[in-house]
Amino acid sequence: MLVEKQPTGTGMVGIMVREFYRSARGPSPTDEDTWRLAFDPESGSLMVRHEWQSERHAGADEFGIAEFLAEQGGAQKALLALLFGEAMADA
């Protein structure tokens, strides 16, 4: 688990982050998507952070857990496996 420091109005707060899925994005070996589970202990927020990198552009989005799991794909299965084990991810 990684703790990232994020600025706030009163200083810095540690956001706990754990990568749970990574996939290739494009033709270049450095083009990839990364999904991380992020918890902000100050606000109590638990979210999924999706970051992508390619030769043309990079970016990031954040999703609530329910919003993220409403979609289907490898990243969603990986998060379910992390939280509940492999049997739940295959259900």
C-alpha atoms as a PDB file:
ATOM      1  CA  MET A   1       0.000   0.000   0.000  1.00  0.00           C
ATOM      2  CA  LEU A   2       1.198   3.472  -0.866  1.00  0.00           C
ATOM      3  CA  VAL A   3       0.378   6.733   0.899  1.00  0.00           C
ATOM      4  CA  GLU A   4       0.205   9.747  -1.404  1.00  0.00           C
ATOM      5  CA  LYS A   5       0.336  13.228   0.081  1.00  0.00           C
ATOM      6  CA  GLN A   6      -2.452  15.498  -1.196  1.00  0.00           C
ATOM      7  CA  PRO A   7      -2.692  19.231  -0.445  1.00  0.00           C
ATOM      8  CA  THR A   8      -5.651  20.536   1.574  1.00  0.00           C
ATOM      9  CA  GLY A   9      -6.600  23.980   2.816  1.00  0.00           C
ATOM     10  CA  THR A  10      -4.810  23.298   6.099  1.00  0.00           C
ATOM     11  CA  GLY A  11      -1.777  21.330   4.922  1.00  0.00           C
ATOM     12  CA  MET A  12      -1.165  17.859   3.525  1.00  0.00           C
ATOM     13  CA  VAL A  13      -3.209  14.708   4.060  1.00  0.00           C
ATOM     14  CA  GLY A  14      -2.179  11.125   3.289  1.00  0.00           C
ATOM     15  CA  ILE A  15      -4.376   9.289   0.780  1.00  0.00           C
ATOM     16  CA  MET A  16      -3.919   5.511   1.009  1.00  0.00           C
ATOM     17  CA  VAL A  17      -3.653   3.985  -2.457  1.00  0.00           C
ATOM     18  CA  ARG A  18      -3.396   0.385  -3.651  1.00  0.00           C
ATOM     19  CA  GLU A  19      -2.965  -0.586  -7.295  1.00  0.00           C
ATOM     20  CA  PHE A  20      -5.209  -3.478  -8.293  1.00  0.00           C
ATOM     21  CA  TYR A  21      -5.086  -3.594 -12.099  1.00  0.00           C
ATOM     22  CA  ARG A  22      -2.797  -2.573 -14.958  1.00  0.00           C
ATOM     23  CA  SER A  23      -3.261  -3.120 -18.688  1.00  0.00           C
ATOM     24  CA  ALA A  24      -1.677  -2.178 -22.018  1.00  0.00           C
ATOM     25  CA  ARG A  25      -3.270   0.811 -23.734  1.00  0.00           C
ATOM     26  CA  GLY A  26      -1.604   1.112 -27.120  1.00  0.00           C
ATOM     27  CA  PRO A  27       1.184   0.116 -29.427  1.00  0.00           C
ATOM     28  CA  SER A  28       3.974   1.597 -27.326  1.00  0.00           C
ATOM     29  CA  PRO A  29       5.208  -0.510 -24.382  1.00  0.00           C
ATOM     30  CA  THR A  30       4.801   2.540 -22.126  1.00  0.00           C
ATOM     31  CA  ASP A  31       1.117   3.084 -23.083  1.00  0.00           C
ATOM     32  CA  GLU A  32      -0.878   1.735 -20.153  1.00  0.00           C
ATOM     33  CA  ASP A  33      -3.914   2.061 -17.911  1.00  0.00           C
ATOM     34  CA  THR A  34      -3.634   1.736 -14.140  1.00  0.00           C
ATOM     35  CA  TRP A  35      -6.474   1.374 -11.625  1.00  0.00           C
ATOM     36  CA  ARG A  36      -5.987   2.083  -7.930  1.00  0.00           C
ATOM     37  CA  LEU A  37      -8.235   1.882  -4.903  1.00  0.00           C
ATOM     38  CA  ALA A  38      -7.869   5.136  -2.961  1.00  0.00           C
ATOM     39  CA  PHE A  39      -9.014   5.932   0.580  1.00  0.00           C
ATOM     40  CA  ASP A  40      -9.029   9.439   2.035  1.00  0.00           C
ATOM     41  CA  PRO A  41      -9.073   9.010   5.835  1.00  0.00           C
ATOM     42  CA  GLU A  42      -9.905  12.686   6.365  1.00  0.00           C
ATOM     43  CA  SER A  43     -13.189  12.546   4.402  1.00  0.00           C
ATOM     44  CA  GLY A  44     -13.846   8.797   4.660  1.00  0.00           C
ATOM     45  CA  SER A  45     -14.076   8.574   0.854  1.00  0.00           C
ATOM     46  CA  LEU A  46     -13.239   5.316  -0.900  1.00  0.00           C
ATOM     47  CA  MET A  47     -12.851   5.610  -4.661  1.00  0.00           C
ATOM     48  CA  VAL A  48     -11.286   4.091  -7.749  1.00  0.00           C
ATOM     49  CA  ARG A  49      -8.661   6.176  -9.509  1.00  0.00           C
ATOM     50  CA  HIS A  50      -8.042   5.365 -13.193  1.00  0.00           C
ATOM     51  CA  GLU A  51      -4.858   6.786 -14.689  1.00  0.00           C
ATOM     52  CA  TRP A  52      -3.744   6.402 -18.278  1.00  0.00           C
ATOM     53  CA  GLN A  53      -0.578   7.207 -20.152  1.00  0.00           C
ATOM     54  CA  SER A  54       0.094   7.112 -23.889  1.00  0.00           C
ATOM     55  CA  GLU A  55       2.408   8.816 -26.339  1.00  0.00           C
ATOM     56  CA  ARG A  56      -0.358  11.302 -27.200  1.00  0.00           C
ATOM     57  CA  HIS A  57      -1.844  12.122 -23.817  1.00  0.00           C
ATOM     58  CA  ALA A  58      -2.219  11.206 -20.164  1.00  0.00           C
ATOM     59  CA  GLY A  59      -4.994  11.702 -17.658  1.00  0.00           C
ATOM     60  CA  ALA A  60      -6.862  10.517 -14.610  1.00  0.00           C
ATOM     61  CA  ASP A  61     -10.469   9.988 -13.502  1.00  0.00           C
ATOM     62  CA  GLU A  62     -11.977   9.086 -10.155  1.00  0.00           C
ATOM     63  CA  PHE A  63     -15.109   7.001  -9.640  1.00  0.00           C
ATOM     64  CA  GLY A  64     -17.200   5.976  -6.679  1.00  0.00           C
ATOM     65  CA  ILE A  65     -17.123   2.226  -6.014  1.00  0.00           C
ATOM     66  CA  ALA A  66     -20.758   1.646  -7.110  1.00  0.00           C
ATOM     67  CA  GLU A  67     -20.268   3.645 -10.312  1.00  0.00           C
ATOM     68  CA  PHE A  68     -17.091   1.714 -11.124  1.00  0.00           C
ATOM     69  CA  LEU A  69     -18.622  -1.711 -10.451  1.00  0.00           C
ATOM     70  CA  ALA A  70     -21.680  -0.890 -12.607  1.00  0.00           C
ATOM     71  CA  GLU A  71     -19.382  -1.458 -15.602  1.00  0.00           C
ATOM     72  CA  GLN A  72     -17.969  -4.848 -16.607  1.00  0.00           C
ATOM     73  CA  GLY A  73     -14.371  -5.598 -17.452  1.00  0.00           C
ATOM     74  CA  GLY A  74     -11.027  -6.838 -16.254  1.00  0.00           C
ATOM     75  CA  ALA A  75     -10.491  -3.950 -13.833  1.00  0.00           C
ATOM     76  CA  GLN A  76     -13.845  -4.578 -12.133  1.00  0.00           C
ATOM     77  CA  LYS A  77     -13.076  -8.296 -11.786  1.00  0.00           C
ATOM     78  CA  ALA A  78      -9.659  -7.453 -10.331  1.00  0.00           C
ATOM     79  CA  LEU A  79     -11.195  -5.146  -7.715  1.00  0.00           C
ATOM     80  CA  LEU A  80     -13.746  -7.784  -6.683  1.00  0.00           C
ATOM     81  CA  ALA A  81     -10.936 -10.351  -6.416  1.00  0.00           C
ATOM     82  CA  LEU A  82      -8.933  -7.970  -4.231  1.00  0.00           C
ATOM     83  CA  LEU A  83     -11.876  -7.303  -1.932  1.00  0.00           C
ATOM     84  CA  PHE A  84     -13.562 -10.720  -1.804  1.00  0.00           C
ATOM     85  CA  GLY A  85     -11.231 -13.282  -3.352  1.00  0.00           C
ATOM     86  CA  GLU A  86     -11.151 -15.001  -6.723  1.00  0.00           C
ATOM     87  CA  ALA A  87     -14.460 -16.887  -6.240  1.00  0.00           C
ATOM     88  CA  MET A  88     -16.423 -13.631  -5.970  1.00  0.00           C
ATOM     89  CA  ALA A  89     -14.743 -12.126  -9.039  1.00  0.00           C
ATOM     90  CA  ASP A  90     -15.928 -15.060 -11.173  1.00  0.00           C
ATOM     91  CA  ALA A  91     -19.543 -14.850  -9.938  1.00  0.00           C
END
